[in-house]
C-alpha atoms as a PDB file:
ATOM      1  CA  UNK A   1      76.967  44.706 -85.739  1.00  0.00           C
ATOM      2  CA  UNK A   2      77.943  48.366 -85.905  1.00  0.00           C
ATOM      3  CA  UNK A   3      75.921  50.802 -83.857  1.00  0.00           C
ATOM      4  CA  UNK A   4      75.220  54.343 -85.077  1.00  0.00           C
ATOM      5  CA  UNK A   5      77.672  56.806 -83.604  1.00  0.00           C
ATOM      6  CA  UNK A   6      76.861  60.010 -81.794  1.00  0.00           C
ATOM      7  CA  UNK A   7      77.262  62.685 -84.467  1.00  0.00           C
ATOM      8  CA  UNK A   8      79.676  60.613 -86.610  1.00  0.00           C
ATOM      9  CA  UNK A   9      78.578  58.030 -89.150  1.00  0.00           C
ATOM     10  CA  UNK A  10      79.441  54.359 -88.728  1.00  0.00           C
ATOM     11  CA  UNK A  11      80.585  51.831 -91.320  1.00  0.00           C
ATOM     12  CA  UNK A  12      78.077  49.373 -92.844  1.00  0.00           C
ATOM     13  CA  UNK A  13      75.139  51.488 -91.672  1.00  0.00           C
ATOM     14  CA  UNK A  14      72.089  52.612 -93.600  1.00  0.00           C
ATOM     15  CA  UNK A  15      70.785  55.948 -92.308  1.00  0.00           C
ATOM     16  CA  UNK A  16      67.125  56.769 -92.969  1.00  0.00           C
ATOM     17  CA  UNK A  17      67.207  60.566 -93.236  1.00  0.00           C
ATOM     18  CA  UNK A  18      64.063  62.754 -93.329  1.00  0.00           C
ATOM     19  CA  UNK A  19      64.331  66.009 -95.280  1.00  0.00           C
ATOM     20  CA  UNK A  20      62.162  69.160 -95.086  1.00  0.00           C
ATOM     21  CA  UNK A  21      58.671  69.046 -96.594  1.00  0.00           C
ATOM     22  CA  UNK A  22      58.932  72.733 -97.466  1.00  0.00           C
ATOM     23  CA  UNK A  23      60.804  74.930 -95.033  1.00  0.00           C
ATOM     24  CA  UNK A  24      64.556  74.274 -95.261  1.00  0.00           C
ATOM     25  CA  UNK A  25      64.887  75.510 -91.688  1.00  0.00           C
ATOM     26  CA  UNK A  26      63.438  72.162 -90.615  1.00  0.00           C
ATOM     27  CA  UNK A  27      66.630  70.359 -91.639  1.00  0.00           C
ATOM     28  CA  UNK A  28      68.128  68.979 -88.425  1.00  0.00           C
ATOM     29  CA  UNK A  29      71.824  69.311 -87.504  1.00  0.00           C
ATOM     30  CA  UNK A  30      72.121  65.536 -87.261  1.00  0.00           C
ATOM     31  CA  UNK A  31      70.668  65.050 -90.738  1.00  0.00           C
ATOM     32  CA  UNK A  32      73.217  67.510 -92.140  1.00  0.00           C
ATOM     33  CA  UNK A  33      76.057  65.724 -90.336  1.00  0.00           C
ATOM     34  CA  UNK A  34      74.987  62.361 -91.726  1.00  0.00           C
ATOM     35  CA  UNK A  35      74.535  63.624 -95.293  1.00  0.00           C
ATOM     36  CA  UNK A  36      77.971  65.269 -95.224  1.00  0.00           C
ATOM     37  CA  UNK A  37      79.800  62.239 -93.867  1.00  0.00           C
ATOM     38  CA  UNK A  38      78.258  59.136 -95.436  1.00  0.00           C
ATOM     39  CA  UNK A  39      79.903  57.541 -98.454  1.00  0.00           C
ATOM     40  CA  UNK A  40      76.764  57.662-100.581  1.00  0.00           C
ATOM     41  CA  UNK A  41      73.235  59.134-100.612  1.00  0.00           C
ATOM     42  CA  UNK A  42      70.482  56.992-102.118  1.00  0.00           C
ATOM     43  CA  UNK A  43      67.892  59.481-103.391  1.00  0.00           C
ATOM     44  CA  UNK A  44      64.414  59.175-104.901  1.00  0.00           C
ATOM     45  CA  UNK A  45      65.217  61.971-107.386  1.00  0.00           C
ATOM     46  CA  UNK A  46      68.896  62.901-107.676  1.00  0.00           C
ATOM     47  CA  UNK A  47      68.106  66.255-109.302  1.00  0.00           C
ATOM     48  CA  UNK A  48      65.751  67.261-106.507  1.00  0.00           C
ATOM     49  CA  UNK A  49      68.111  66.086-103.777  1.00  0.00           C
ATOM     50  CA  UNK A  50      71.012  67.706-105.619  1.00  0.00           C
ATOM     51  CA  UNK A  51      69.401  71.112-105.117  1.00  0.00           C
ATOM     52  CA  UNK A  52      68.992  70.395-101.402  1.00  0.00           C
ATOM     53  CA  UNK A  53      72.642  69.368-101.090  1.00  0.00           C
ATOM     54  CA  UNK A  54      73.763  72.409-103.040  1.00  0.00           C
ATOM     55  CA  UNK A  55      71.867  74.669-100.639  1.00  0.00           C
ATOM     56  CA  UNK A  56      73.725  73.154 -97.679  1.00  0.00           C
ATOM     57  CA  UNK A  57      77.072  72.892 -99.498  1.00  0.00           C
ATOM     58  CA  UNK A  58      77.149  69.087 -99.342  1.00  0.00           C
ATOM     59  CA  UNK A  59      79.136  67.236-102.019  1.00  0.00           C
ATOM     60  CA  UNK A  60      78.383  63.592-101.156  1.00  0.00           C
ATOM     61  CA  UNK A  61      77.838  61.325-104.171  1.00  0.00           C
ATOM     62  CA  UNK A  62      74.255  60.510-105.172  1.00  0.00           C
ATOM     63  CA  UNK A  63      72.719  57.181-106.198  1.00  0.00           C
ATOM     64  CA  UNK A  64      69.246  57.013-107.820  1.00  0.00           C
ATOM     65  CA  UNK A  65      66.840  54.757-105.926  1.00  0.00           C
ATOM     66  CA  UNK A  66      63.177  55.123-106.835  1.00  0.00           C
ATOM     67  CA  UNK A  67      59.983  53.094-107.215  1.00  0.00           C
ATOM     68  CA  UNK A  68      60.928  51.782-110.655  1.00  0.00           C
ATOM     69  CA  UNK A  69      64.406  50.453-109.835  1.00  0.00           C
ATOM     70  CA  UNK A  70      64.497  49.821-106.087  1.00  0.00           C
ATOM     71  CA  UNK A  71      64.119  46.053-106.151  1.00  0.00           C
ATOM     72  CA  UNK A  72      66.969  45.752-108.677  1.00  0.00           C
ATOM     73  CA  UNK A  73      69.282  48.410-107.185  1.00  0.00           C
ATOM     74  CA  UNK A  74      68.817  47.404-103.536  1.00  0.00           C
ATOM     75  CA  UNK A  75      71.249  44.529-104.063  1.00  0.00           C
ATOM     76  CA  UNK A  76      73.988  46.903-105.260  1.00  0.00           C
ATOM     77  CA  UNK A  77      73.571  49.071-102.180  1.00  0.00           C
ATOM     78  CA  UNK A  78      73.533  46.017 -99.943  1.00  0.00           C
ATOM     79  CA  UNK A  79      76.921  44.943-101.280  1.00  0.00           C
ATOM     80  CA  UNK A  80      78.353  48.414-100.671  1.00  0.00           C
ATOM     81  CA  UNK A  81      77.097  48.318 -97.085  1.00  0.00           C
ATOM     82  CA  UNK A  82      78.531  44.853 -96.538  1.00  0.00           C
ATOM     83  CA  UNK A  83      81.900  46.172 -97.716  1.00  0.00           C
ATOM     84  CA  UNK A  84      81.888  48.847 -95.030  1.00  0.00           C
ATOM     85  CA  UNK A  85      80.351  51.831 -96.763  1.00  0.00           C
ATOM     86  CA  UNK A  86      77.793  54.065 -95.034  1.00  0.00           C
ATOM     87  CA  UNK A  87      74.695  55.136 -96.952  1.00  0.00           C
ATOM     88  CA  UNK A  88      71.972  57.724 -96.325  1.00  0.00           C
ATOM     89  CA  UNK A  89      68.497  57.056 -97.713  1.00  0.00           C
ATOM     90  CA  UNK A  90      66.420  60.136 -98.578  1.00  0.00           C
ATOM     91  CA  UNK A  91      63.218  60.860-100.491  1.00  0.00           C
ATOM     92  CA  UNK A  92      62.076  64.047-102.196  1.00  0.00           C
ATOM     93  CA  UNK A  93      60.535  65.413 -98.993  1.00  0.00           C
ATOM     94  CA  UNK A  94      59.708  64.095 -95.551  1.00  0.00           C
ATOM     95  CA  UNK A  95      60.507  60.680 -94.105  1.00  0.00           C
ATOM     96  CA  UNK A  96      61.570  57.898 -96.511  1.00  0.00           C
ATOM     97  CA  UNK A  97      59.270  54.869 -96.869  1.00  0.00           C
ATOM     98  CA  UNK A  98      56.150  56.876 -95.924  1.00  0.00           C
ATOM     99  CA  UNK A  99      54.541  56.607 -99.363  1.00  0.00           C
ATOM    100  CA  UNK A 100      58.055  56.830-100.787  1.00  0.00           C
ATOM    101  CA  UNK A 101      60.744  54.311-101.838  1.00  0.00           C
ATOM    102  CA  UNK A 102      63.004  52.506 -99.393  1.00  0.00           C
ATOM    103  CA  UNK A 103      61.049  49.556 -98.018  1.00  0.00           C
ATOM    104  CA  UNK A 104      62.846  46.899-100.049  1.00  0.00           C
ATOM    105  CA  UNK A 105      66.285  48.275 -99.198  1.00  0.00           C
ATOM    106  CA  UNK A 106      65.548  48.530 -95.475  1.00  0.00           C
ATOM    107  CA  UNK A 107      64.069  45.019 -95.472  1.00  0.00           C
ATOM    108  CA  UNK A 108      67.121  43.578 -97.240  1.00  0.00           C
ATOM    109  CA  UNK A 109      69.443  45.337 -94.775  1.00  0.00           C
ATOM    110  CA  UNK A 110      67.633  43.993 -91.757  1.00  0.00           C
ATOM    111  CA  UNK A 111      67.548  40.479 -93.192  1.00  0.00           C
ATOM    112  CA  UNK A 112      71.317  40.720 -93.754  1.00  0.00           C
ATOM    113  CA  UNK A 113      71.910  41.850 -90.171  1.00  0.00           C
ATOM    114  CA  UNK A 114      73.089  45.319 -91.158  1.00  0.00           C
ATOM    115  CA  UNK A 115      72.430  48.350 -88.978  1.00  0.00           C
ATOM    116  CA  UNK A 116      69.552  50.606 -90.028  1.00  0.00           C
ATOM    117  CA  UNK A 117      69.683  53.928 -88.160  1.00  0.00           C
ATOM    118  CA  UNK A 118      66.533  56.086 -88.381  1.00  0.00           C
ATOM    119  CA  UNK A 119      66.732  59.847 -87.854  1.00  0.00           C
ATOM    120  CA  UNK A 120      63.852  61.906 -86.528  1.00  0.00           C
ATOM    121  CA  UNK A 121      62.424  64.554 -88.816  1.00  0.00           C
ATOM    122  CA  UNK A 122      59.533  65.894 -90.903  1.00  0.00           C
ATOM    123  CA  UNK A 123      56.557  63.836 -92.065  1.00  0.00           C
ATOM    124  CA  UNK A 124      53.620  65.586 -93.740  1.00  0.00           C
ATOM    125  CA  UNK A 125      51.048  63.176 -92.275  1.00  0.00           C
ATOM    126  CA  UNK A 126      52.145  63.842 -88.692  1.00  0.00           C
ATOM    127  CA  UNK A 127      52.595  67.580 -89.252  1.00  0.00           C
ATOM    128  CA  UNK A 128      49.013  67.805 -90.571  1.00  0.00           C
ATOM    129  CA  UNK A 129      47.617  65.653 -87.762  1.00  0.00           C
ATOM    130  CA  UNK A 130      49.273  67.832 -85.117  1.00  0.00           C
ATOM    131  CA  UNK A 131      47.373  70.903 -86.334  1.00  0.00           C
ATOM    132  CA  UNK A 132      44.060  69.315 -87.384  1.00  0.00           C
ATOM    133  CA  UNK A 133      42.239  69.440 -84.065  1.00  0.00           C
ATOM    134  CA  UNK A 134      41.033  65.862 -84.588  1.00  0.00           C
ATOM    135  CA  UNK A 135      41.704  63.020 -82.144  1.00  0.00           C
ATOM    136  CA  UNK A 136      45.357  62.015 -82.474  1.00  0.00           C
ATOM    137  CA  UNK A 137      45.680  59.307 -79.809  1.00  0.00           C
ATOM    138  CA  UNK A 138      44.668  56.622 -82.335  1.00  0.00           C
ATOM    139  CA  UNK A 139      45.025  57.032 -86.085  1.00  0.00           C
ATOM    140  CA  UNK A 140      45.805  55.072 -89.224  1.00  0.00           C
ATOM    141  CA  UNK A 141      47.723  56.234 -92.272  1.00  0.00           C
ATOM    142  CA  UNK A 142      46.107  55.182 -95.564  1.00  0.00           C
ATOM    143  CA  UNK A 143      48.383  56.919 -98.081  1.00  0.00           C
ATOM    144  CA  UNK A 144      46.810  57.769-101.442  1.00  0.00           C
ATOM    145  CA  UNK A 145      43.305  56.596-102.275  1.00  0.00           C
ATOM    146  CA  UNK A 146      42.939  54.678-105.578  1.00  0.00           C
ATOM    147  CA  UNK A 147      42.773  56.840-108.690  1.00  0.00           C
ATOM    148  CA  UNK A 148      39.662  55.192-110.155  1.00  0.00           C
ATOM    149  CA  UNK A 149      36.258  56.089-108.725  1.00  0.00           C
ATOM    150  CA  UNK A 150      34.992  52.554-108.088  1.00  0.00           C
ATOM    151  CA  UNK A 151      38.198  51.430-106.396  1.00  0.00           C
ATOM    152  CA  UNK A 152      38.290  54.629-104.355  1.00  0.00           C
ATOM    153  CA  UNK A 153      34.712  54.139-103.158  1.00  0.00           C
ATOM    154  CA  UNK A 154      35.408  50.477-102.390  1.00  0.00           C
ATOM    155  CA  UNK A 155      38.368  51.476-100.221  1.00  0.00           C
ATOM    156  CA  UNK A 156      36.305  54.104 -98.421  1.00  0.00           C
ATOM    157  CA  UNK A 157      33.524  51.574 -97.795  1.00  0.00           C
ATOM    158  CA  UNK A 158      36.012  49.371 -95.914  1.00  0.00           C
ATOM    159  CA  UNK A 159      36.793  52.373 -93.688  1.00  0.00           C
ATOM    160  CA  UNK A 160      33.228  53.585 -93.090  1.00  0.00           C
ATOM    161  CA  UNK A 161      33.144  52.436 -89.471  1.00  0.00           C
ATOM    162  CA  UNK A 162      36.850  52.796 -88.674  1.00  0.00           C
ATOM    163  CA  UNK A 163      36.897  54.595 -85.287  1.00  0.00           C
ATOM    164  CA  UNK A 164      40.474  55.853 -85.598  1.00  0.00           C
ATOM    165  CA  UNK A 165      41.367  59.119 -87.293  1.00  0.00           C
ATOM    166  CA  UNK A 166      42.214  58.502 -90.970  1.00  0.00           C
ATOM    167  CA  UNK A 167      45.116  60.178 -92.781  1.00  0.00           C
ATOM    168  CA  UNK A 168      45.290  60.355 -96.586  1.00  0.00           C
ATOM    169  CA  UNK A 169      47.588  62.021 -99.098  1.00  0.00           C
ATOM    170  CA  UNK A 170      45.908  63.358-102.207  1.00  0.00           C
ATOM    171  CA  UNK A 171      46.918  64.860-105.546  1.00  0.00           C
ATOM    172  CA  UNK A 172      45.548  68.293-106.554  1.00  0.00           C
ATOM    173  CA  UNK A 173      43.861  66.928-109.687  1.00  0.00           C
ATOM    174  CA  UNK A 174      41.947  64.279-107.690  1.00  0.00           C
ATOM    175  CA  UNK A 175      41.086  66.044-104.450  1.00  0.00           C
ATOM    176  CA  UNK A 176      37.621  67.160-105.584  1.00  0.00           C
ATOM    177  CA  UNK A 177      36.665  63.635-106.619  1.00  0.00           C
ATOM    178  CA  UNK A 178      38.008  62.185-103.379  1.00  0.00           C
ATOM    179  CA  UNK A 179      36.088  64.678-101.232  1.00  0.00           C
ATOM    180  CA  UNK A 180      32.932  63.985-103.225  1.00  0.00           C
ATOM    181  CA  UNK A 181      33.342  60.236-102.697  1.00  0.00           C
ATOM    182  CA  UNK A 182      33.973  60.779 -98.988  1.00  0.00           C
ATOM    183  CA  UNK A 183      30.729  62.763 -98.749  1.00  0.00           C
ATOM    184  CA  UNK A 184      28.892  59.960-100.547  1.00  0.00           C
ATOM    185  CA  UNK A 185      30.382  57.015 -98.680  1.00  0.00           C
ATOM    186  CA  UNK A 186      31.230  58.413 -95.235  1.00  0.00           C
ATOM    187  CA  UNK A 187      28.367  60.903 -95.061  1.00  0.00           C
ATOM    188  CA  UNK A 188      28.166  64.620 -95.723  1.00  0.00           C
ATOM    189  CA  UNK A 189      28.679  65.467 -92.027  1.00  0.00           C
ATOM    190  CA  UNK A 190      31.958  63.545 -91.545  1.00  0.00           C
ATOM    191  CA  UNK A 191      34.510  66.141 -90.405  1.00  0.00           C
ATOM    192  CA  UNK A 192      37.595  66.455 -92.607  1.00  0.00           C
ATOM    193  CA  UNK A 193      40.612  68.756 -92.430  1.00  0.00           C
ATOM    194  CA  UNK A 194      42.473  69.674 -95.623  1.00  0.00           C
ATOM    195  CA  UNK A 195      46.086  70.685 -95.029  1.00  0.00           C
ATOM    196  CA  UNK A 196      48.110  71.861 -98.017  1.00  0.00           C
ATOM    197  CA  UNK A 197      51.588  73.240 -98.687  1.00  0.00           C
ATOM    198  CA  UNK A 198      52.580  72.567 -95.081  1.00  0.00           C
ATOM    199  CA  UNK A 199      55.533  74.656 -93.789  1.00  0.00           C
ATOM    200  CA  UNK A 200      55.594  76.555 -97.109  1.00  0.00           C
ATOM    201  CA  UNK A 201      54.636  80.132 -97.970  1.00  0.00           C
ATOM    202  CA  UNK A 202      51.055  79.289 -98.991  1.00  0.00           C
ATOM    203  CA  UNK A 203      50.323  76.846 -96.166  1.00  0.00           C
ATOM    204  CA  UNK A 204      46.627  76.503 -95.348  1.00  0.00           C
ATOM    205  CA  UNK A 205      44.710  74.243 -92.951  1.00  0.00           C
ATOM    206  CA  UNK A 206      40.918  74.216 -93.131  1.00  0.00           C
ATOM    207  CA  UNK A 207      38.387  71.845 -91.582  1.00  0.00           C
ATOM    208  CA  UNK A 208      34.631  71.380 -92.002  1.00  0.00           C
ATOM    209  CA  UNK A 209      32.012  68.667 -92.576  1.00  0.00           C
ATOM    210  CA  UNK A 210      33.146  67.096 -95.822  1.00  0.00           C
ATOM    211  CA  UNK A 211      30.259  68.450 -97.936  1.00  0.00           C
ATOM    212  CA  UNK A 212      31.072  71.990 -96.756  1.00  0.00           C
ATOM    213  CA  UNK A 213      34.784  71.400 -97.271  1.00  0.00           C
ATOM    214  CA  UNK A 214      34.113  70.280-100.844  1.00  0.00           C
ATOM    215  CA  UNK A 215      32.192  73.493-101.538  1.00  0.00           C
ATOM    216  CA  UNK A 216      34.986  75.548 -99.956  1.00  0.00           C
ATOM    217  CA  UNK A 217      37.607  73.921-102.186  1.00  0.00           C
ATOM    218  CA  UNK A 218      35.493  74.374-105.311  1.00  0.00           C
ATOM    219  CA  UNK A 219      35.239  78.141-104.788  1.00  0.00           C
ATOM    220  CA  UNK A 220      38.949  78.775-105.365  1.00  0.00           C
ATOM    221  CA  UNK A 221      41.277  76.661-107.490  1.00  0.00           C
ATOM    222  CA  UNK A 222      44.216  77.733-105.307  1.00  0.00           C
ATOM    223  CA  UNK A 223      42.705  75.765-102.428  1.00  0.00           C
ATOM    224  CA  UNK A 224      43.480  72.488-104.172  1.00  0.00           C
ATOM    225  CA  UNK A 225      47.023  73.185-105.342  1.00  0.00           C
ATOM    226  CA  UNK A 226      50.233  71.792-103.898  1.00  0.00           C
ATOM    227  CA  UNK A 227      50.891  68.866-101.578  1.00  0.00           C
ATOM    228  CA  UNK A 228      47.649  67.871 -99.824  1.00  0.00           C
ATOM    229  CA  UNK A 229      46.934  65.895 -96.657  1.00  0.00           C
ATOM    230  CA  UNK A 230      43.371  64.963 -95.669  1.00  0.00           C
ATOM    231  CA  UNK A 231      42.677  64.215 -91.991  1.00  0.00           C
ATOM    232  CA  UNK A 232      39.314  62.446 -91.576  1.00  0.00           C
ATOM    233  CA  UNK A 233      37.564  62.139 -88.237  1.00  0.00           C
ATOM    234  CA  UNK A 234      36.965  58.527 -87.207  1.00  0.00           C
ATOM    235  CA  UNK A 235      33.539  56.901 -87.116  1.00  0.00           C
ATOM    236  CA  UNK A 236      31.518  57.592 -83.990  1.00  0.00           C
ATOM    237  CA  UNK A 237      28.891  55.068 -82.937  1.00  0.00           C
ATOM    238  CA  UNK A 238      25.477  56.658 -82.499  1.00  0.00           C
ATOM    239  CA  UNK A 239      24.323  56.946 -78.907  1.00  0.00           C
ATOM    240  CA  UNK A 240      21.641  54.464 -77.847  1.00  0.00           C
ATOM    241  CA  UNK A 241      19.048  57.213 -77.550  1.00  0.00           C
ATOM    242  CA  UNK A 242      19.826  58.274 -81.129  1.00  0.00           C
ATOM    243  CA  UNK A 243      18.130  55.143 -82.466  1.00  0.00           C
ATOM    244  CA  UNK A 244      14.465  55.996 -83.105  1.00  0.00           C
ATOM    245  CA  UNK A 245      11.879  54.216 -80.961  1.00  0.00           C
ATOM    246  CA  UNK A 246      10.130  52.593 -83.976  1.00  0.00           C
ATOM    247  CA  UNK A 247      13.442  50.987 -84.972  1.00  0.00           C
ATOM    248  CA  UNK A 248      13.923  49.538 -81.499  1.00  0.00           C
ATOM    249  CA  UNK A 249      10.357  48.199 -81.425  1.00  0.00           C
ATOM    250  CA  UNK A 250      10.854  46.470 -84.776  1.00  0.00           C
ATOM    251  CA  UNK A 251      14.127  45.004 -83.545  1.00  0.00           C
ATOM    252  CA  UNK A 252      12.479  43.671 -80.374  1.00  0.00           C
ATOM    253  CA  UNK A 253       9.725  41.986 -82.384  1.00  0.00           C
ATOM    254  CA  UNK A 254      12.124  40.389 -84.844  1.00  0.00           C
ATOM    255  CA  UNK A 255      14.389  39.123 -82.070  1.00  0.00           C
ATOM    256  CA  UNK A 256      11.574  36.927 -80.811  1.00  0.00           C
ATOM    257  CA  UNK A 257      11.846  34.693 -83.906  1.00  0.00           C
ATOM    258  CA  UNK A 258      15.245  35.446 -85.461  1.00  0.00           C
ATOM    259  CA  UNK A 259      18.913  35.305 -84.440  1.00  0.00           C
ATOM    260  CA  UNK A 260      20.214  38.617 -83.143  1.00  0.00           C
ATOM    261  CA  UNK A 261      22.400  39.453 -86.164  1.00  0.00           C
ATOM    262  CA  UNK A 262      19.673  38.644 -88.669  1.00  0.00           C
ATOM    263  CA  UNK A 263      17.073  40.582 -86.687  1.00  0.00           C
ATOM    264  CA  UNK A 264      19.332  43.632 -86.566  1.00  0.00           C
ATOM    265  CA  UNK A 265      20.067  43.437 -90.310  1.00  0.00           C
ATOM    266  CA  UNK A 266      16.369  43.163 -91.192  1.00  0.00           C
ATOM    267  CA  UNK A 267      15.310  45.980 -88.859  1.00  0.00           C
ATOM    268  CA  UNK A 268      18.070  48.170 -90.272  1.00  0.00           C
ATOM    269  CA  UNK A 269      16.900  47.466 -93.831  1.00  0.00           C
ATOM    270  CA  UNK A 270      13.271  48.242 -92.953  1.00  0.00           C
ATOM    271  CA  UNK A 271      14.085  51.590 -91.346  1.00  0.00           C
ATOM    272  CA  UNK A 272      17.147  52.622 -93.355  1.00  0.00           C
ATOM    273  CA  UNK A 273      19.622  52.757 -90.457  1.00  0.00           C
ATOM    274  CA  UNK A 274      23.137  51.298 -90.183  1.00  0.00           C
ATOM    275  CA  UNK A 275      22.892  47.586 -89.433  1.00  0.00           C
ATOM    276  CA  UNK A 276      26.190  47.491 -87.522  1.00  0.00           C
ATOM    277  CA  UNK A 277      25.050  50.250 -85.166  1.00  0.00           C
ATOM    278  CA  UNK A 278      21.784  48.433 -84.544  1.00  0.00           C
ATOM    279  CA  UNK A 279      23.556  45.106 -84.061  1.00  0.00           C
ATOM    280  CA  UNK A 280      25.957  46.639 -81.535  1.00  0.00           C
ATOM    281  CA  UNK A 281      23.006  48.109 -79.642  1.00  0.00           C
ATOM    282  CA  UNK A 282      21.235  44.735 -79.560  1.00  0.00           C
ATOM    283  CA  UNK A 283      24.427  42.952 -78.527  1.00  0.00           C
ATOM    284  CA  UNK A 284      25.065  45.444 -75.716  1.00  0.00           C
ATOM    285  CA  UNK A 285      21.495  44.970 -74.477  1.00  0.00           C
ATOM    286  CA  UNK A 286      21.858  41.200 -74.620  1.00  0.00           C
ATOM    287  CA  UNK A 287      25.149  41.304 -72.703  1.00  0.00           C
ATOM    288  CA  UNK A 288      23.621  43.621 -70.109  1.00  0.00           C
ATOM    289  CA  UNK A 289      20.736  41.183 -69.551  1.00  0.00           C
ATOM    290  CA  UNK A 290      23.132  38.232 -69.296  1.00  0.00           C
ATOM    291  CA  UNK A 291      25.236  40.076 -66.683  1.00  0.00           C
ATOM    292  CA  UNK A 292      22.137  40.873 -64.628  1.00  0.00           C
ATOM    293  CA  UNK A 293      20.960  37.246 -64.704  1.00  0.00           C
ATOM    294  CA  UNK A 294      24.359  36.100 -63.406  1.00  0.00           C
END
């Protein structure tokens, strides 16, 4: 198997090449070297990438590879790689495969034993996270939320108690609806950062409880234009002392005659609190008692 060279491209190698998300100054020297020296560039949009290449005076041939043709065209590129050609994979902006085409090609290459060489570079999700001021030690990338309201709310419901920071991409024409659904499903006080037009002239990064953020976006149409990333603070379990005393008394009474999970669910329904939070409290108390008895 060929190994990627140091500054010079290698035969039968697929290079995954990130490109700037806005500021062309973010193009790395290695990315330029690869794009200039590979035999072919597989691009999500050849017209868009053509402008980028023109700016850097790169004349490498382009090959269209996008969501609608990737599974069919991946085989053609695989054959070229197997015959010794080197290929760079790029998307319109940022790192390929991150909500962009390329997965099928990379998978086919790895299955065929071909070298896939990833380059470091821009990614809007990570750029936004780095400036959000929200916990970044554990996070999960969720891409775009569904376009339809019910499906979007259903997805958000599955993430209601996700403790990791959540990262979403969103389109300008849907951002208001998505923020409204977040306020409804996750709660009006869930902290969200909206980052738009990152690294570009009109870059803005603004965070607030989601209900306040929604109002802020509604004031000015400009605040929902461009490429948008939403960074959502993860779920935080309520402290034990945050559960009202009447709730805990009801739970204690129900536990005398019901299994723990059922008692927690019923107490939560009676008092209108989150059943999972109440169940975790009861489970922690039960475990604490068991440890003491041992």
